[in-house]
Amino acid sequence: YEPLAALSGGTPGKRLLRIEPISIWNGQPLNRADTLRRALFTDAQILFPPLAVRNLAWVLWDPARQCLHDRRAASIVITGRTRPGQKA
């Protein structure tokens, strides 16, 4: 679910809340490779529940409030930005 939704522009929840992951390096939306890497790392938590616990705990002490899948893809989630061609 997550990789397919991510490659199609985001999950329904992200679209509804108008949030999106962007690159920490250039502030642009993630390219397909970074999006897929982020999504697959998120899905890996289903197979390895201890990773999910560590991921949730990580947010508590990370200064940028990034989960492990955000760190892995060098991304951060922002809110309130619209893509070019969209109305606010």
N, C-alpha and C. Protein backbone atom coordinates (compact mmCIF):
# COMPACT_ATOMS: atom_id res chain seq x y z
N TYR A 1 0.82 -1.20 0.00
CA TYR A 1 0.00 0.00 0.00
C TYR A 1 0.85 1.26 0.00
N GLU A 2 1.77 1.35 0.94
CA GLU A 2 2.57 2.56 1.09
C GLU A 2 3.42 2.88 -0.15
N PRO A 3 4.17 1.91 -0.72
CA PRO A 3 4.96 2.26 -1.91
C PRO A 3 4.10 2.73 -3.08
N LEU A 4 2.98 2.05 -3.33
CA LEU A 4 2.13 2.45 -4.45
C LEU A 4 1.49 3.81 -4.21
N ALA A 5 1.03 4.04 -2.99
CA ALA A 5 0.42 5.33 -2.68
C ALA A 5 1.46 6.45 -2.75
N ALA A 6 2.67 6.16 -2.28
CA ALA A 6 3.72 7.18 -2.30
C ALA A 6 4.11 7.55 -3.73
N LEU A 7 4.18 6.57 -4.60
CA LEU A 7 4.55 6.84 -5.98
C LEU A 7 3.44 7.54 -6.76
N SER A 8 2.22 7.48 -6.25
CA SER A 8 1.11 8.14 -6.93
C SER A 8 0.83 9.53 -6.36
N GLY A 9 1.70 10.04 -5.52
CA GLY A 9 1.52 11.40 -5.01
C GLY A 9 1.21 11.47 -3.54
N GLY A 10 1.23 10.38 -2.85
CA GLY A 10 1.00 10.39 -1.40
C GLY A 10 -0.20 9.56 -1.01
N THR A 11 -0.24 9.22 0.24
CA THR A 11 -1.35 8.44 0.75
C THR A 11 -2.58 9.34 0.85
N PRO A 12 -3.76 8.75 0.89
CA PRO A 12 -4.96 9.58 1.05
C PRO A 12 -4.92 10.45 2.31
N GLY A 13 -4.35 9.91 3.39
CA GLY A 13 -4.25 10.69 4.62
C GLY A 13 -3.33 11.90 4.46
N LYS A 14 -2.21 11.72 3.78
CA LYS A 14 -1.30 12.84 3.55
C LYS A 14 -1.96 13.90 2.68
N ARG A 15 -2.68 13.46 1.67
CA ARG A 15 -3.36 14.42 0.80
C ARG A 15 -4.45 15.17 1.56
N LEU A 16 -5.19 14.46 2.39
CA LEU A 16 -6.26 15.09 3.16
C LEU A 16 -5.70 16.13 4.14
N LEU A 17 -4.60 15.80 4.79
CA LEU A 17 -3.99 16.72 5.76
C LEU A 17 -3.05 17.74 5.13
N ARG A 18 -2.86 17.61 3.80
CA ARG A 18 -1.99 18.51 3.04
C ARG A 18 -0.58 18.53 3.61
N ILE A 19 -0.05 17.34 3.84
CA ILE A 19 1.35 17.21 4.26
C ILE A 19 2.10 16.41 3.22
N GLU A 20 3.39 16.64 3.14
CA GLU A 20 4.20 15.90 2.17
C GLU A 20 5.64 15.81 2.65
N PRO A 21 6.28 14.69 2.34
CA PRO A 21 7.71 14.60 2.64
C PRO A 21 8.51 15.30 1.55
N ILE A 22 9.51 16.07 1.96
CA ILE A 22 10.39 16.73 1.00
C ILE A 22 11.84 16.40 1.34
N SER A 23 12.71 16.64 0.41
CA SER A 23 14.14 16.39 0.61
C SER A 23 14.71 17.43 1.57
N ILE A 24 15.54 16.98 2.51
CA ILE A 24 16.18 17.94 3.40
C ILE A 24 17.31 18.68 2.70
N TRP A 25 17.75 18.17 1.56
CA TRP A 25 18.88 18.78 0.85
C TRP A 25 18.48 19.96 0.00
N ASN A 26 17.33 19.87 -0.69
CA ASN A 26 16.97 20.94 -1.61
C ASN A 26 15.55 21.45 -1.44
N GLY A 27 14.78 20.89 -0.51
CA GLY A 27 13.42 21.36 -0.27
C GLY A 27 12.42 20.98 -1.34
N GLN A 28 12.82 20.14 -2.27
CA GLN A 28 11.93 19.70 -3.35
C GLN A 28 11.21 18.42 -2.95
N PRO A 29 10.07 18.12 -3.58
CA PRO A 29 9.42 16.83 -3.33
C PRO A 29 10.40 15.69 -3.62
N LEU A 30 10.23 14.59 -2.91
CA LEU A 30 11.14 13.46 -3.07
C LEU A 30 11.07 12.89 -4.48
N ASN A 31 12.22 12.45 -4.99
CA ASN A 31 12.20 11.77 -6.27
C ASN A 31 11.67 10.34 -6.06
N ARG A 32 11.45 9.62 -7.13
CA ARG A 32 10.84 8.28 -7.01
C ARG A 32 11.69 7.32 -6.19
N ALA A 33 13.00 7.36 -6.34
CA ALA A 33 13.87 6.46 -5.60
C ALA A 33 13.80 6.73 -4.09
N ASP A 34 13.84 8.00 -3.70
CA ASP A 34 13.74 8.34 -2.28
C ASP A 34 12.36 8.02 -1.73
N THR A 35 11.33 8.26 -2.52
CA THR A 35 9.97 7.96 -2.10
C THR A 35 9.81 6.46 -1.87
N LEU A 36 10.32 5.66 -2.79
CA LEU A 36 10.22 4.22 -2.65
C LEU A 36 11.04 3.71 -1.46
N ARG A 37 12.24 4.25 -1.27
CA ARG A 37 13.07 3.86 -0.13
C ARG A 37 12.36 4.18 1.18
N ARG A 38 11.77 5.36 1.27
CA ARG A 38 11.04 5.76 2.47
C ARG A 38 9.85 4.84 2.72
N ALA A 39 9.10 4.55 1.68
CA ALA A 39 7.92 3.70 1.80
C ALA A 39 8.29 2.26 2.18
N LEU A 40 9.33 1.71 1.57
CA LEU A 40 9.72 0.33 1.89
C LEU A 40 10.24 0.22 3.31
N PHE A 41 10.94 1.22 3.78
CA PHE A 41 11.42 1.20 5.16
C PHE A 41 10.23 1.30 6.13
N THR A 42 9.22 2.06 5.76
CA THR A 42 8.01 2.13 6.58
C THR A 42 7.32 0.77 6.63
N ASP A 43 7.22 0.10 5.48
CA ASP A 43 6.58 -1.21 5.43
C ASP A 43 7.39 -2.28 6.14
N ALA A 44 8.69 -2.12 6.24
CA ALA A 44 9.53 -3.10 6.95
C ALA A 44 9.14 -3.22 8.41
N GLN A 45 8.52 -2.20 8.94
CA GLN A 45 8.09 -2.22 10.34
C GLN A 45 6.99 -3.25 10.58
N ILE A 46 6.24 -3.57 9.55
CA ILE A 46 5.20 -4.59 9.68
C ILE A 46 5.83 -5.96 9.89
N LEU A 47 6.94 -6.20 9.20
CA LEU A 47 7.62 -7.49 9.31
C LEU A 47 8.46 -7.61 10.57
N PHE A 48 8.94 -6.49 11.07
CA PHE A 48 9.81 -6.47 12.26
C PHE A 48 9.23 -5.51 13.29
N PRO A 49 8.29 -5.99 14.14
CA PRO A 49 7.67 -5.11 15.13
C PRO A 49 8.65 -4.36 16.04
N PRO A 50 9.80 -4.95 16.42
CA PRO A 50 10.72 -4.15 17.24
C PRO A 50 11.21 -2.88 16.52
N LEU A 51 11.29 -2.95 15.20
CA LEU A 51 11.66 -1.77 14.43
C LEU A 51 10.58 -0.70 14.54
N ALA A 52 9.33 -1.10 14.57
CA ALA A 52 8.23 -0.14 14.72
C ALA A 52 8.30 0.56 16.07
N VAL A 53 8.60 -0.18 17.11
CA VAL A 53 8.71 0.41 18.44
C VAL A 53 9.88 1.40 18.48
N ARG A 54 11.01 0.99 17.90
CA ARG A 54 12.17 1.87 17.87
C ARG A 54 11.88 3.12 17.05
N ASN A 55 11.16 2.96 15.95
CA ASN A 55 10.81 4.09 15.10
C ASN A 55 9.96 5.10 15.85
N LEU A 56 8.97 4.62 16.59
CA LEU A 56 8.12 5.53 17.37
C LEU A 56 8.90 6.21 18.49
N ALA A 57 9.77 5.46 19.15
CA ALA A 57 10.57 6.04 20.22
C ALA A 57 11.58 7.06 19.69
N TRP A 58 12.07 6.81 18.48
CA TRP A 58 13.07 7.68 17.88
C TRP A 58 12.58 9.12 17.79
N VAL A 59 11.31 9.30 17.46
CA VAL A 59 10.73 10.63 17.31
C VAL A 59 10.84 11.43 18.61
N LEU A 60 10.80 10.75 19.73
CA LEU A 60 10.82 11.45 21.01
C LEU A 60 12.15 12.16 21.28
N TRP A 61 13.26 11.60 20.79
CA TRP A 61 14.54 12.24 21.08
C TRP A 61 15.23 12.83 19.86
N ASP A 62 14.65 12.68 18.69
CA ASP A 62 15.27 13.26 17.50
C ASP A 62 15.00 14.76 17.45
N PRO A 63 16.05 15.58 17.31
CA PRO A 63 15.85 17.04 17.32
C PRO A 63 14.99 17.55 16.16
N ALA A 64 15.01 16.86 15.03
CA ALA A 64 14.21 17.30 13.88
C ALA A 64 12.85 16.62 13.83
N ARG A 65 12.55 15.80 14.85
CA ARG A 65 11.27 15.06 14.92
C ARG A 65 11.06 14.19 13.69
N GLN A 66 12.13 13.55 13.22
CA GLN A 66 12.06 12.64 12.08
C GLN A 66 12.01 11.20 12.56
N CYS A 67 11.19 10.39 11.91
CA CYS A 67 11.21 8.96 12.15
C CYS A 67 12.39 8.36 11.38
N LEU A 68 12.65 7.09 11.63
CA LEU A 68 13.78 6.43 10.97
C LEU A 68 13.61 6.39 9.45
N HIS A 69 12.37 6.21 8.98
CA HIS A 69 12.18 6.17 7.53
C HIS A 69 12.45 7.54 6.90
N ASP A 70 12.22 8.62 7.64
CA ASP A 70 12.57 9.95 7.14
C ASP A 70 14.08 10.12 7.10
N ARG A 71 14.76 9.66 8.13
CA ARG A 71 16.23 9.73 8.16
C ARG A 71 16.83 8.95 7.01
N ARG A 72 16.29 7.75 6.77
CA ARG A 72 16.82 6.87 5.72
C ARG A 72 16.70 7.51 4.34
N ALA A 73 15.61 8.23 4.11
CA ALA A 73 15.38 8.85 2.80
C ALA A 73 15.82 10.31 2.75
N ALA A 74 16.43 10.81 3.84
CA ALA A 74 16.86 12.21 3.92
C ALA A 74 15.68 13.13 3.62
N SER A 75 14.58 12.90 4.33
CA SER A 75 13.37 13.69 4.11
C SER A 75 12.85 14.23 5.42
N ILE A 76 11.97 15.20 5.29
CA ILE A 76 11.25 15.75 6.43
C ILE A 76 9.83 16.03 5.95
N VAL A 77 8.86 15.90 6.83
CA VAL A 77 7.46 16.11 6.46
C VAL A 77 7.07 17.54 6.80
N ILE A 78 6.49 18.21 5.81
CA ILE A 78 6.03 19.58 6.01
C ILE A 78 4.53 19.65 5.77
N THR A 79 3.93 20.74 6.19
CA THR A 79 2.50 20.92 6.01
C THR A 79 2.22 22.26 5.34
N GLY A 80 1.07 22.32 4.70
CA GLY A 80 0.59 23.58 4.16
C GLY A 80 1.15 24.00 2.82
N ARG A 81 1.90 23.16 2.15
CA ARG A 81 2.48 23.53 0.86
C ARG A 81 1.65 22.89 -0.24
N THR A 82 1.44 23.62 -1.31
CA THR A 82 0.73 23.04 -2.45
C THR A 82 1.72 22.89 -3.60
N ARG A 83 1.46 21.94 -4.43
CA ARG A 83 2.33 21.72 -5.60
C ARG A 83 1.98 22.73 -6.69
N PRO A 84 2.93 22.99 -7.58
CA PRO A 84 2.63 23.92 -8.68
C PRO A 84 1.41 23.46 -9.47
N GLY A 85 0.54 24.41 -9.79
CA GLY A 85 -0.65 24.09 -10.55
C GLY A 85 -1.86 23.74 -9.69
N GLN A 86 -1.68 23.62 -8.38
CA GLN A 86 -2.80 23.35 -7.48
C GLN A 86 -3.28 24.63 -6.85
N LYS A 87 -4.54 24.68 -6.58
CA LYS A 87 -5.09 25.84 -5.87
C LYS A 87 -4.98 25.59 -4.37
N ALA A 88 -4.71 26.63 -3.64
CA ALA A 88 -4.54 26.51 -2.17
C ALA A 88 -5.85 26.28 -1.46
